[in-house]
Amino acid sequence: MVDLAIRRRRFLLVLLSALMLGAVLAAVWRPAAVDAKEPRGTLTIAVATMANESFLPDGTPGAEMVFSNYMFEHLVRRDPETGENLPMLAESWKVEDRGATWVFKLRRGVKFHGGFGELTCEDVKFTFAKAARPGTANTTPFLKKLNEVQCPDPYTAVVRLKSPHPMMLNEVNSGVFAQVTYVQSKKALERGDDAANRHPIGTGPWEFVSHTFGDRVEYKAVKNHWRKAPEFERLVLLKVPEAATRIAMAAAGQVDIAEVGVDFVKELKAARVETRAIPEFASMGITLGGMWPDRGPGTSKSGVPWAPLEDERARKVRLAFNLAVDVQAIQSEIFGGFLAPTAVTMFFPGKPWTPDLKPYGFDPARARQLMKEAGYPNCFEFTMLLVTWPGRGYGPRAAEAVASMLEKNLGCKITREPMDRAIFSRHFGARTFPGKAIGYAFPQTGTEPWEIWIRVGHSKGPAQISGFEHPTMDDFLDRISREPDSNARAKLQKEMAEWVYKHVPRIEIGGTVALFGVSKRVGKWPLVPGQGVPHYTEYITRVD
């Protein structure tokens, strides 16, 4: 009994000592906070364009993410390393009805900036309804299928679509370029478009401060943000159209991140500016406008030499254009080696949906023979539009190089017409560029090629810039968009790519990366493949 009592006293002493030691350790040791650094200094970013400069959910075709993704958040985000969809404003989700119904459980306690209250389902419902209204500029595909958003409780959003859309997560995701489905405050939007655009309200780690149209947008860090407080106190986004100026500013330390196209790699190296690259960002080519059956003055009946799509003479013209362009020279002289020739736009080698097809190649002699057979031995006259898109400032230079090669190798007479992207965007739905060519890099808008093709190549696409329409293409895209099985989607996409390759609708150049010049103050920066505008800036570590 005595031994038992002694053992009990010893056990109690050890337990008490352990508890006291635990208390001491708890007082002196804690896990490092996620936001260890107090926000300090200004992170300055220079970009080529800020597109339409609209913050409204129905006023943004897609490229506006270049200035708006700092202050807004999406339902879902993407892991930069794995590509996995992760919770953002939605803590969890489930899919029903083969992708026709999506149920999102919203995160509680997320606050809008400026005292506009807590985010609830009503904000999701109002934002999506506004973005999907008739006449919207928003090009996100699932919005065209939106039936309604139901709110059974403040933290559950049930998104019901008119038909299955199994890849919808890629369109409510912050980690893919051109998805402008961030959630805004219903209360803020109800102030009216003018007020909502002059002072937009979001939930992101950066809070809006001011906007000078055509010049800059300024933000301030949200301290103790629910997800990640930035290490910089302020963020300034500058519109600097000239790439040489952006490079000079980066070299001088006047900006911390400079959007610079891959066509300026040599200049970046000469200025000793560090670069960060994002792979598989876009697929560069030349769109040949006018292959739109029964669409007014821009129809295939209007005499456009490369139209219609299935006319053999017109196909010979399009194939000749491809054979007259030296892609390897463009890769070396303009893209600094950051270009991988592709056989079909957005179908990068090594993917499960990419068929074994070779690029058309460079053969000027055969190109001239094809032009003779098509009835254009001396080519013809047309216009090349030179348009700059966010993250793709190399477009005009690549288009100019193609125009020069077509003139040299085929005798074409080409008028160059510079055009602002905001102006050209008005032509997307109207199809008002028949007989004109446009240097355009299809951006990555999802994990699979069809997710951009359905936007730019479907007859009902919100940003139709493939230059052609065809029932077969519509059928491919409709079937792929409804297919929940990834293997079946890959098979259908292979067939679609082979069909596109056969008809030669574009002048193919190749896949490119997104490139940024960064200052010495920019430390670790997680970048999502395919996302071509500055993003996840709240995760940048500040180097003091």
Protein backbone atom coordinates (compact mmCIF):
# COMPACT_ATOMS: atom_id res chain seq x y z
CA MET A 1 0.00 0.00 0.00
CA VAL A 2 2.88 2.37 0.88
CA ASP A 3 4.62 1.61 -2.42
CA LEU A 4 1.36 2.26 -4.28
CA ALA A 5 0.89 5.62 -2.54
CA ILE A 6 4.49 6.61 -3.36
CA ARG A 7 3.99 5.68 -7.01
CA ARG A 8 0.79 7.75 -7.14
CA ARG A 9 2.56 10.81 -5.63
CA ARG A 10 5.42 10.44 -8.15
CA PHE A 11 2.93 10.18 -11.04
CA LEU A 12 1.10 13.33 -9.87
CA LEU A 13 4.41 15.22 -9.57
CA VAL A 14 5.48 14.18 -13.09
CA LEU A 15 2.06 15.12 -14.46
CA LEU A 16 2.14 18.51 -12.70
CA SER A 17 5.67 19.15 -14.00
CA ALA A 18 4.59 18.28 -17.52
CA LEU A 19 1.61 20.60 -17.31
CA MET A 20 3.79 23.44 -15.98
CA LEU A 21 6.36 22.84 -18.73
CA GLY A 22 3.59 22.82 -21.32
CA ALA A 23 2.31 26.13 -20.03
CA VAL A 24 5.79 27.63 -20.25
CA LEU A 25 6.30 26.31 -23.77
CA ALA A 26 2.91 27.62 -24.80
CA ALA A 27 3.93 31.04 -23.55
CA VAL A 28 7.30 31.16 -25.30
CA TRP A 29 6.70 29.04 -28.42
CA ARG A 30 3.94 29.46 -30.94
CA PRO A 31 3.71 28.43 -34.60
CA ALA A 32 4.89 31.23 -36.86
CA ALA A 33 1.96 33.32 -38.10
CA VAL A 34 1.11 33.09 -41.77
CA ASP A 35 1.43 36.86 -42.03
CA ALA A 36 4.68 37.24 -40.11
CA LYS A 37 5.73 40.52 -41.78
CA GLU A 38 4.02 43.80 -41.12
CA PRO A 39 2.93 45.21 -44.51
CA ARG A 40 5.46 47.82 -45.64
CA GLY A 41 6.40 49.61 -48.83
CA THR A 42 4.77 49.67 -52.26
CA LEU A 43 4.59 46.89 -54.82
CA THR A 44 4.49 48.52 -58.26
CA ILE A 45 3.40 46.61 -61.37
CA ALA A 46 3.59 47.86 -64.97
CA VAL A 47 1.36 46.32 -67.64
CA ALA A 48 0.82 47.05 -71.33
CA THR A 49 -2.93 47.59 -71.15
CA MET A 50 -5.78 47.51 -68.67
CA ALA A 51 -8.36 46.53 -71.29
CA ASN A 52 -11.81 48.09 -70.77
CA GLU A 53 -10.99 49.29 -67.25
CA SER A 54 -14.38 48.20 -65.97
CA PHE A 55 -14.82 46.64 -62.53
CA LEU A 56 -18.42 45.60 -63.17
CA PRO A 57 -19.22 41.88 -63.41
CA ASP A 58 -21.11 42.44 -66.68
CA GLY A 59 -18.55 44.84 -68.16
CA THR A 60 -15.52 42.57 -68.28
CA PRO A 61 -14.84 40.32 -71.32
CA GLY A 62 -11.97 38.68 -69.47
CA ALA A 63 -8.70 40.55 -69.75
CA GLU A 64 -9.79 42.95 -67.00
CA MET A 65 -8.37 40.47 -64.50
CA VAL A 66 -5.10 42.29 -65.11
CA PHE A 67 -6.26 44.98 -62.69
CA SER A 68 -9.22 43.50 -60.81
CA ASN A 69 -8.06 40.17 -59.38
CA TYR A 70 -6.22 41.88 -56.54
CA MET A 71 -9.34 43.08 -54.75
CA PHE A 72 -11.87 40.41 -55.72
CA GLU A 73 -12.09 36.72 -54.87
CA HIS A 74 -13.65 33.70 -56.56
CA LEU A 75 -15.50 30.72 -55.18
CA VAL A 76 -12.49 28.49 -55.92
CA ARG A 77 -8.75 28.96 -56.40
CA ARG A 78 -6.06 26.82 -58.01
CA ASP A 79 -2.97 25.36 -56.38
CA PRO A 80 0.06 26.67 -58.33
CA GLU A 81 2.02 23.43 -57.97
CA THR A 82 -0.60 20.71 -58.38
CA GLY A 83 -3.33 22.51 -60.31
CA GLU A 84 -5.83 21.18 -57.76
CA ASN A 85 -8.98 23.20 -57.12
CA LEU A 86 -8.90 24.55 -53.59
CA PRO A 87 -11.47 26.36 -51.45
CA MET A 88 -11.63 30.13 -51.61
CA LEU A 89 -14.95 31.82 -50.88
CA ALA A 90 -16.53 28.38 -51.06
CA GLU A 91 -15.35 25.99 -48.35
CA SER A 92 -16.72 22.97 -50.20
CA TRP A 93 -18.85 22.04 -53.18
CA LYS A 94 -20.64 19.13 -54.78
CA VAL A 95 -21.98 18.47 -58.24
CA GLU A 96 -25.38 17.05 -59.09
CA ASP A 97 -27.36 16.21 -62.24
CA ARG A 98 -24.19 15.36 -64.23
CA GLY A 99 -22.97 18.93 -63.85
CA ALA A 100 -26.23 20.83 -64.24
CA THR A 101 -26.39 21.70 -60.53
CA TRP A 102 -23.55 22.90 -58.31
CA VAL A 103 -23.93 23.35 -54.54
CA PHE A 104 -21.37 25.63 -52.87
CA LYS A 105 -20.99 25.96 -49.11
CA LEU A 106 -19.73 29.50 -48.49
CA ARG A 107 -17.12 30.48 -45.95
CA ARG A 108 -18.59 32.25 -42.94
CA GLY A 109 -17.24 35.56 -41.67
CA VAL A 110 -15.75 36.88 -44.96
CA LYS A 111 -16.17 40.66 -44.94
CA PHE A 112 -16.50 43.04 -47.88
CA HIS A 113 -14.26 46.08 -47.87
CA GLY A 114 -15.54 49.45 -46.71
CA GLY A 115 -18.07 48.18 -44.20
CA PHE A 116 -20.36 46.53 -46.79
CA GLY A 117 -21.02 43.58 -44.54
CA GLU A 118 -20.52 39.83 -44.65
CA LEU A 119 -20.51 37.85 -47.89
CA THR A 120 -23.58 35.63 -48.29
CA CYS A 121 -25.36 33.67 -51.00
CA GLU A 122 -27.31 36.78 -51.99
CA ASP A 123 -24.05 38.38 -53.18
CA VAL A 124 -23.24 35.33 -55.32
CA LYS A 125 -26.75 35.30 -56.73
CA PHE A 126 -26.78 39.01 -57.57
CA THR A 127 -23.26 39.02 -59.08
CA PHE A 128 -23.85 36.02 -61.34
CA ALA A 129 -27.26 37.30 -62.45
CA LYS A 130 -25.78 40.67 -63.39
CA ALA A 131 -22.87 39.05 -65.23
CA ALA A 132 -25.28 36.79 -67.17
CA ARG A 133 -27.82 39.42 -68.16
CA PRO A 134 -28.59 39.99 -71.89
CA GLY A 135 -26.00 42.18 -73.58
CA THR A 136 -23.33 41.42 -71.01
CA ALA A 137 -19.68 41.79 -71.97
CA ASN A 138 -18.74 38.90 -69.69
CA THR A 139 -17.55 35.95 -71.77
CA THR A 140 -17.50 33.21 -69.12
CA PRO A 141 -19.25 30.21 -70.78
CA PHE A 142 -21.24 28.83 -67.84
CA LEU A 143 -23.06 32.17 -67.50
CA LYS A 144 -24.72 31.49 -70.85
CA LYS A 145 -26.20 28.35 -69.29
CA LEU A 146 -27.16 29.94 -65.98
CA ASN A 147 -30.77 29.30 -65.01
CA GLU A 148 -30.76 30.62 -61.45
CA VAL A 149 -28.90 30.74 -58.16
CA GLN A 150 -30.93 29.59 -55.17
CA CYS A 151 -30.14 30.52 -51.57
CA PRO A 152 -31.63 27.94 -49.16
CA ASP A 153 -29.62 29.66 -46.41
CA PRO A 154 -27.11 32.56 -46.27
CA TYR A 155 -24.11 30.25 -46.67
CA THR A 156 -25.34 27.85 -49.38
CA ALA A 157 -25.43 28.81 -53.06
CA VAL A 158 -27.14 26.35 -55.41
CA VAL A 159 -26.19 27.18 -59.00
CA ARG A 160 -28.64 25.64 -61.46
CA LEU A 161 -27.74 25.52 -65.15
CA LYS A 162 -29.92 24.92 -68.19
CA SER A 163 -27.73 21.99 -69.21
CA PRO A 164 -24.76 20.07 -67.73
CA HIS A 165 -21.45 21.90 -67.56
CA PRO A 166 -19.03 19.51 -65.81
CA MET A 167 -16.03 21.88 -65.96
CA MET A 168 -17.73 24.80 -64.23
CA LEU A 169 -15.15 24.87 -61.44
CA ASN A 170 -12.63 26.19 -63.98
CA GLU A 171 -14.92 29.15 -64.54
CA VAL A 172 -15.42 30.18 -60.92
CA ASN A 173 -11.70 29.90 -60.30
CA SER A 174 -9.12 32.59 -59.59
CA GLY A 175 -6.26 30.55 -61.02
CA VAL A 176 -7.16 30.61 -64.70
CA PHE A 177 -6.83 33.56 -67.03
CA ALA A 178 -9.93 35.48 -68.15
CA GLN A 179 -12.46 34.11 -65.67
CA VAL A 180 -14.17 37.20 -64.26
CA THR A 181 -16.63 35.43 -61.99
CA TYR A 182 -15.40 36.99 -58.77
CA VAL A 183 -18.12 37.69 -56.22
CA GLN A 184 -19.05 41.30 -55.57
CA SER A 185 -21.23 42.96 -52.96
CA LYS A 186 -24.91 43.11 -53.85
CA LYS A 187 -25.28 46.18 -51.67
CA ALA A 188 -22.39 47.91 -53.45
CA LEU A 189 -23.64 47.01 -56.93
CA GLU A 190 -27.12 48.26 -56.11
CA ARG A 191 -25.67 51.75 -55.80
CA GLY A 192 -25.70 51.82 -59.60
CA ASP A 193 -23.07 51.09 -62.25
CA ASP A 194 -21.39 54.48 -62.04
CA ALA A 195 -20.90 54.38 -58.27
CA ALA A 196 -19.95 50.68 -58.29
CA ASN A 197 -17.35 51.27 -61.00
CA ARG A 198 -15.91 54.40 -59.40
CA HIS A 199 -15.39 52.66 -56.07
CA PRO A 200 -15.61 48.86 -56.43
CA ILE A 201 -16.02 46.66 -53.36
CA GLY A 202 -14.48 43.22 -52.95
CA THR A 203 -13.30 40.75 -50.32
CA GLY A 204 -9.70 40.26 -51.49
CA PRO A 205 -6.39 40.92 -49.75
CA TRP A 206 -6.08 44.28 -51.52
CA GLU A 207 -8.64 47.06 -51.03
CA PHE A 208 -9.39 49.58 -53.77
CA VAL A 209 -8.07 53.13 -53.21
CA SER A 210 -8.27 54.96 -56.52
CA HIS A 211 -8.44 54.59 -60.30
CA THR A 212 -7.11 57.06 -62.84
CA PHE A 213 -8.49 55.95 -66.20
CA GLY A 214 -5.78 55.10 -68.70
CA ASP A 215 -3.04 55.50 -66.12
CA ARG A 216 -3.21 53.55 -62.85
CA VAL A 217 -5.13 51.71 -60.15
CA GLU A 218 -4.04 51.89 -56.51
CA TYR A 219 -4.78 49.48 -53.65
CA LYS A 220 -3.92 49.10 -49.98
CA ALA A 221 -3.23 45.89 -48.10
CA VAL A 222 -6.00 44.39 -46.00
CA LYS A 223 -4.38 43.65 -42.66
CA ASN A 224 -5.45 40.40 -41.02
CA HIS A 225 -7.13 39.27 -44.20
CA TRP A 226 -8.91 35.94 -43.72
CA ARG A 227 -6.71 34.20 -46.30
CA LYS A 228 -3.40 36.03 -46.68
CA ALA A 229 -2.40 39.60 -45.83
CA PRO A 230 0.15 41.02 -48.32
CA GLU A 231 3.67 41.82 -47.19
CA PHE A 232 3.51 45.14 -49.05
CA GLU A 233 1.42 48.00 -47.68
CA ARG A 234 0.31 49.34 -51.04
CA LEU A 235 0.01 48.09 -54.62
CA VAL A 236 0.12 50.37 -57.66
CA LEU A 237 -0.75 49.08 -61.11
CA LEU A 238 0.52 51.29 -63.94
CA LYS A 239 -0.49 51.26 -67.58
CA VAL A 240 2.75 51.57 -69.59
CA PRO A 241 2.08 50.66 -73.24
CA GLU A 242 5.71 50.68 -74.41
CA ALA A 243 7.63 47.49 -73.58
CA ALA A 244 10.97 49.32 -73.72
CA THR A 245 9.74 51.74 -71.07
CA ARG A 246 8.53 48.91 -68.82
CA ILE A 247 11.93 47.21 -69.12
CA ALA A 248 13.76 50.46 -68.34
CA MET A 249 11.55 51.03 -65.30
CA ALA A 250 12.24 47.48 -64.07
CA ALA A 251 15.98 47.90 -64.58
CA ALA A 252 15.92 51.18 -62.65
CA GLY A 253 13.88 49.71 -59.81
CA GLN A 254 10.92 51.99 -60.52
CA VAL A 255 8.60 48.99 -60.82
CA ASP A 256 8.78 45.61 -59.11
CA ILE A 257 6.94 43.57 -61.74
CA ALA A 258 6.92 44.41 -65.43
CA GLU A 259 4.74 42.53 -67.87
CA VAL A 260 7.06 41.92 -70.81
CA GLY A 261 6.28 39.77 -73.82
CA VAL A 262 8.62 36.95 -74.75
CA ASP A 263 9.59 39.00 -77.79
CA PHE A 264 11.72 41.16 -75.46
CA VAL A 265 13.82 38.42 -73.86
CA LYS A 266 17.06 39.83 -75.27
CA GLU A 267 16.29 43.30 -73.95
CA LEU A 268 15.53 41.91 -70.49
CA LYS A 269 18.82 40.04 -70.41
CA ALA A 270 20.72 43.11 -71.62
CA ALA A 271 19.14 45.18 -68.84
CA ARG A 272 20.02 42.44 -66.31
CA VAL A 273 16.43 42.12 -65.16
CA GLU A 274 15.42 38.84 -63.54
CA THR A 275 12.58 37.03 -65.30
CA ARG A 276 9.76 34.76 -64.17
CA ALA A 277 7.99 32.65 -66.81
CA ILE A 278 4.61 30.90 -66.82
CA PRO A 279 4.37 27.96 -69.26
CA GLU A 280 1.56 27.13 -71.69
CA PHE A 281 0.04 30.54 -71.34
CA ALA A 282 -1.18 31.18 -74.88
CA SER A 283 -1.16 29.92 -78.47
CA MET A 284 -0.12 32.54 -81.02
CA GLY A 285 -1.49 32.64 -84.55
CA ILE A 286 -3.16 34.80 -87.17
CA THR A 287 -6.95 34.77 -87.30
CA LEU A 288 -8.41 35.06 -90.80
CA GLY A 289 -11.75 36.80 -90.35
CA GLY A 290 -14.79 36.30 -92.52
CA MET A 291 -15.66 32.60 -92.55
CA TRP A 292 -19.09 33.18 -91.04
CA PRO A 293 -21.95 31.69 -93.11
CA ASP A 294 -25.05 33.87 -93.33
CA ARG A 295 -23.84 36.70 -91.10
CA GLY A 296 -24.40 39.83 -93.13
CA PRO A 297 -21.53 41.58 -94.95
CA GLY A 298 -18.95 39.34 -93.35
CA THR A 299 -20.30 36.09 -94.77
CA SER A 300 -18.38 33.58 -96.81
CA LYS A 301 -20.32 34.85 -99.85
CA SER A 302 -18.66 38.27 -99.65
CA GLY A 303 -15.65 37.32 -101.76
CA VAL A 304 -13.08 36.97 -98.97
CA PRO A 305 -10.38 34.86 -100.70
CA TRP A 306 -9.81 32.56 -97.74
CA ALA A 307 -13.54 31.87 -97.20
CA PRO A 308 -15.63 29.77 -96.89
CA LEU A 309 -14.09 27.18 -94.61
CA GLU A 310 -14.89 24.12 -96.74
CA ASP A 311 -14.17 25.63 -100.17
CA GLU A 312 -11.09 23.90 -101.61
CA ARG A 313 -9.72 27.03 -103.30
CA ALA A 314 -10.05 28.97 -100.05
CA ARG A 315 -8.38 26.16 -98.15
CA LYS A 316 -5.43 26.29 -100.53
CA VAL A 317 -5.06 30.01 -99.75
CA ARG A 318 -5.04 29.34 -96.01
CA LEU A 319 -2.57 26.47 -96.35
CA ALA A 320 -0.34 28.61 -98.60
CA PHE A 321 -0.33 31.33 -95.95
CA ASN A 322 0.92 28.81 -93.39
CA LEU A 323 3.60 27.42 -95.70
CA ALA A 324 4.85 30.95 -96.49
CA VAL A 325 5.56 31.76 -92.82
CA ASP A 326 8.93 30.79 -91.33
CA VAL A 327 7.87 29.91 -87.77
CA GLN A 328 11.42 28.97 -86.74
CA ALA A 329 12.64 32.46 -87.67
CA ILE A 330 9.80 34.05 -85.70
CA GLN A 331 10.64 31.81 -82.74
CA SER A 332 14.30 32.86 -82.78
CA GLU A 333 14.02 36.53 -83.70
CA ILE A 334 10.85 37.56 -81.88
CA PHE A 335 10.10 35.03 -79.14
CA GLY A 336 13.65 34.46 -77.96
CA GLY A 337 13.18 30.70 -78.03
CA PHE A 338 10.09 30.86 -75.80
CA LEU A 339 7.80 29.45 -78.48
CA ALA A 340 6.88 25.85 -79.26
CA PRO A 341 5.42 25.34 -82.77
CA THR A 342 1.99 23.72 -82.64
CA ALA A 343 -0.09 21.95 -85.27
CA VAL A 344 -3.41 23.16 -83.81
CA THR A 345 -4.09 26.18 -81.62
CA MET A 346 -3.95 25.36 -77.87
CA PHE A 347 -3.16 21.68 -78.44
CA PHE A 348 0.26 21.48 -76.79
CA PRO A 349 2.42 18.36 -77.34
CA GLY A 350 2.32 15.55 -74.80
CA LYS A 351 -1.24 16.09 -73.62
CA PRO A 352 -3.84 13.28 -73.60
CA TRP A 353 -6.07 15.28 -75.97
CA THR A 354 -3.37 16.25 -78.50
CA PRO A 355 -3.23 14.10 -81.66
CA ASP A 356 0.04 13.18 -83.37
CA LEU A 357 0.08 15.94 -85.98
CA LYS A 358 3.02 17.91 -87.36
CA PRO A 359 3.00 21.71 -87.91
CA TYR A 360 2.38 22.68 -91.53
CA GLY A 361 6.03 23.65 -92.01
CA PHE A 362 7.82 26.26 -94.15
CA ASP A 363 7.74 25.71 -97.92
CA PRO A 364 7.49 28.97 -99.95
CA ALA A 365 7.67 27.22 -103.31
CA ARG A 366 4.70 24.99 -102.54
CA ALA A 367 2.88 28.00 -101.08
CA ARG A 368 3.24 29.91 -104.37
CA GLN A 369 2.01 26.89 -106.32
CA LEU A 370 -1.08 26.61 -104.10
CA MET A 371 -1.84 30.31 -104.62
CA LYS A 372 -1.70 29.81 -108.39
CA GLU A 373 -4.04 26.85 -108.14
CA ALA A 374 -6.42 28.92 -106.03
CA GLY A 375 -6.45 31.67 -108.69
CA TYR A 376 -4.27 34.23 -106.87
CA PRO A 377 -0.78 33.98 -108.44
CA ASN A 378 0.11 37.44 -107.13
CA CYS A 379 -1.86 37.11 -103.92
CA PHE A 380 -4.28 40.00 -103.12
CA GLU A 381 -4.77 42.98 -100.82
CA PHE A 382 -6.02 42.80 -97.25
CA THR A 383 -5.59 44.40 -93.83
CA MET A 384 -3.64 43.08 -90.84
CA LEU A 385 -4.97 44.39 -87.53
CA LEU A 386 -2.27 44.98 -84.92
CA VAL A 387 -3.92 44.54 -81.51
CA THR A 388 -2.33 44.23 -78.06
CA TRP A 389 -3.90 42.04 -75.38
CA PRO A 390 -2.95 41.92 -71.68
CA GLY A 391 0.00 39.62 -71.21
CA ARG A 392 0.38 39.26 -74.97
CA GLY A 393 2.10 42.44 -76.04
CA TYR A 394 4.06 40.52 -78.68
CA GLY A 395 0.95 40.18 -80.85
CA PRO A 396 1.60 43.19 -83.10
CA ARG A 397 5.26 42.28 -83.65
CA ALA A 398 4.38 38.70 -84.56
CA ALA A 399 1.60 39.88 -86.87
CA GLU A 400 3.99 42.34 -88.54
CA ALA A 401 6.52 39.55 -89.10
CA VAL A 402 3.85 37.34 -90.69
CA ALA A 403 2.67 40.21 -92.91
CA SER A 404 6.24 40.83 -94.12
CA MET A 405 6.73 37.13 -94.94
CA LEU A 406 3.45 36.95 -96.88
CA GLU A 407 4.48 40.01 -98.87
CA LYS A 408 7.96 38.63 -99.58
CA ASN A 409 7.02 35.04 -100.34
CA LEU A 410 3.60 35.44 -101.99
CA GLY A 411 3.43 39.03 -103.21
CA CYS A 412 0.50 40.03 -100.97
CA LYS A 413 -0.27 43.72 -100.39
CA ILE A 414 -1.03 44.15 -96.71
CA THR A 415 -2.16 47.29 -94.92
CA ARG A 416 -1.19 47.44 -91.23
CA GLU A 417 -3.87 48.89 -88.96
CA PRO A 418 -3.02 49.38 -85.26
CA MET A 419 -6.12 49.06 -83.07
CA ASP A 420 -6.70 49.35 -79.36
CA ARG A 421 -7.92 46.16 -77.74
CA ALA A 422 -10.91 47.89 -76.12
CA ILE A 423 -12.08 49.03 -79.55
CA PHE A 424 -11.52 45.65 -81.16
CA SER A 425 -13.43 43.85 -78.38
CA ARG A 426 -16.61 45.47 -79.71
CA HIS A 427 -16.16 43.42 -82.87
CA PHE A 428 -16.14 40.04 -81.10
CA GLY A 429 -19.85 39.33 -81.19
CA ALA A 430 -20.67 41.48 -84.22
CA ARG A 431 -18.16 39.70 -86.50
CA THR A 432 -17.23 43.02 -88.11
CA PHE A 433 -13.75 42.16 -89.37
CA PRO A 434 -14.40 40.19 -92.60
CA GLY A 435 -11.43 39.97 -94.93
CA LYS A 436 -9.08 41.19 -92.19
CA ALA A 437 -6.38 39.26 -90.38
CA ILE A 438 -5.62 39.66 -86.68
CA GLY A 439 -2.55 38.61 -84.75
CA TYR A 440 -4.12 36.90 -81.75
CA ALA A 441 -2.82 34.60 -79.02
CA PHE A 442 -5.55 32.37 -77.63
CA PRO A 443 -5.16 32.57 -73.82
CA GLN A 444 -5.38 29.62 -71.48
CA THR A 445 -8.82 29.76 -69.86
CA GLY A 446 -9.00 26.26 -68.45
CA THR A 447 -7.12 23.05 -68.13
CA GLU A 448 -8.29 21.69 -71.51
CA PRO A 449 -8.24 23.24 -75.04
CA TRP A 450 -12.00 23.17 -75.56
CA GLU A 451 -12.45 25.62 -72.71
CA ILE A 452 -10.98 28.43 -74.81
CA TRP A 453 -12.32 27.12 -78.13
CA ILE A 454 -15.92 27.23 -76.89
CA ARG A 455 -15.44 30.93 -76.16
CA VAL A 456 -13.69 31.89 -79.38
CA GLY A 457 -14.76 29.23 -81.90
CA HIS A 458 -18.41 28.44 -81.21
CA SER A 459 -21.02 30.22 -83.35
CA LYS A 460 -22.61 31.40 -80.11
CA GLY A 461 -19.28 32.11 -78.45
CA PRO A 462 -19.14 35.39 -76.52
CA ALA A 463 -15.69 36.28 -77.89
CA GLN A 464 -15.78 34.67 -81.34
CA ILE A 465 -12.32 35.36 -82.74
CA SER A 466 -11.42 32.11 -84.47
CA GLY A 467 -12.49 33.74 -87.75
CA PHE A 468 -14.84 30.92 -88.70
CA GLU A 469 -18.10 29.25 -87.74
CA HIS A 470 -19.20 25.74 -88.62
CA PRO A 471 -21.91 23.31 -87.38
CA THR A 472 -19.32 20.54 -86.97
CA MET A 473 -17.24 22.71 -84.63
CA ASP A 474 -20.34 23.64 -82.65
CA ASP A 475 -21.27 19.98 -82.33
CA PHE A 476 -17.80 19.01 -81.10
CA LEU A 477 -17.78 21.77 -78.49
CA ASP A 478 -21.34 21.10 -77.33
CA ARG A 479 -20.65 17.39 -76.83
CA ILE A 480 -17.31 17.98 -75.09
CA SER A 481 -18.79 20.57 -72.73
CA ARG A 482 -21.46 18.10 -71.59
CA GLU A 483 -19.13 15.11 -71.14
CA PRO A 484 -18.21 14.45 -67.47
CA ASP A 485 -15.69 11.69 -68.23
CA SER A 486 -12.16 13.05 -68.78
CA ASN A 487 -11.07 10.20 -71.08
CA ALA A 488 -14.13 10.66 -73.29
CA ARG A 489 -13.46 14.42 -73.43
CA ALA A 490 -9.86 13.78 -74.46
CA LYS A 491 -10.98 11.49 -77.28
CA LEU A 492 -13.49 14.05 -78.58
CA GLN A 493 -10.89 16.82 -78.41
CA LYS A 494 -8.45 14.73 -80.45
CA GLU A 495 -11.09 14.34 -83.13
CA MET A 496 -11.86 18.05 -83.02
CA ALA A 497 -8.16 18.94 -83.37
CA GLU A 498 -7.81 16.66 -86.40
CA TRP A 499 -10.84 18.32 -88.00
CA VAL A 500 -9.43 21.82 -87.34
CA TYR A 501 -6.01 20.78 -88.71
CA LYS A 502 -7.60 19.50 -91.92
CA HIS A 503 -9.40 22.79 -92.57
CA VAL A 504 -6.44 25.10 -91.73
CA PRO A 505 -8.53 27.98 -90.33
CA ARG A 506 -5.61 30.01 -88.91
CA ILE A 507 -1.97 30.75 -89.57
CA GLU A 508 -0.40 28.68 -86.79
CA ILE A 509 2.66 30.02 -84.99
CA GLY A 510 2.89 28.26 -81.63
CA GLY A 511 2.54 28.13 -77.87
CA THR A 512 4.13 30.80 -75.72
CA VAL A 513 4.83 31.58 -72.08
CA ALA A 514 3.89 34.62 -70.02
CA LEU A 515 6.97 36.55 -68.95
CA PHE A 516 7.57 39.08 -66.19
CA GLY A 517 10.63 41.11 -65.27
CA VAL A 518 10.97 41.43 -61.49
CA SER A 519 12.94 43.60 -59.10
CA LYS A 520 15.17 42.37 -56.27
CA ARG A 521 12.38 43.06 -53.79
CA VAL A 522 10.24 40.26 -55.23
CA GLY A 523 10.98 37.00 -53.45
CA LYS A 524 8.92 33.82 -53.74
CA TRP A 525 5.91 34.21 -56.01
CA PRO A 526 3.63 31.21 -56.72
CA LEU A 527 2.52 31.37 -60.36
CA VAL A 528 -0.24 29.24 -61.87
CA PRO A 529 0.54 27.71 -65.30
CA GLY A 530 -1.63 29.32 -67.95
CA GLN A 531 -2.39 32.44 -65.91
CA GLY A 532 -0.88 35.26 -67.95
CA VAL A 533 -1.50 38.36 -65.84
CA PRO A 534 0.04 39.21 -62.46
CA HIS A 535 -1.79 37.20 -59.82
CA TYR A 536 -1.42 35.85 -56.28
CA THR A 537 0.54 38.99 -55.42
CA GLU A 538 -0.57 38.62 -51.81
CA TYR A 539 1.69 35.54 -51.63
CA ILE A 540 4.81 37.40 -52.80
CA THR A 541 7.48 37.42 -50.12
CA ARG A 542 9.10 40.82 -49.68
CA VAL A 543 12.90 40.92 -49.83
CA ASP A 544 14.09 43.81 -47.65
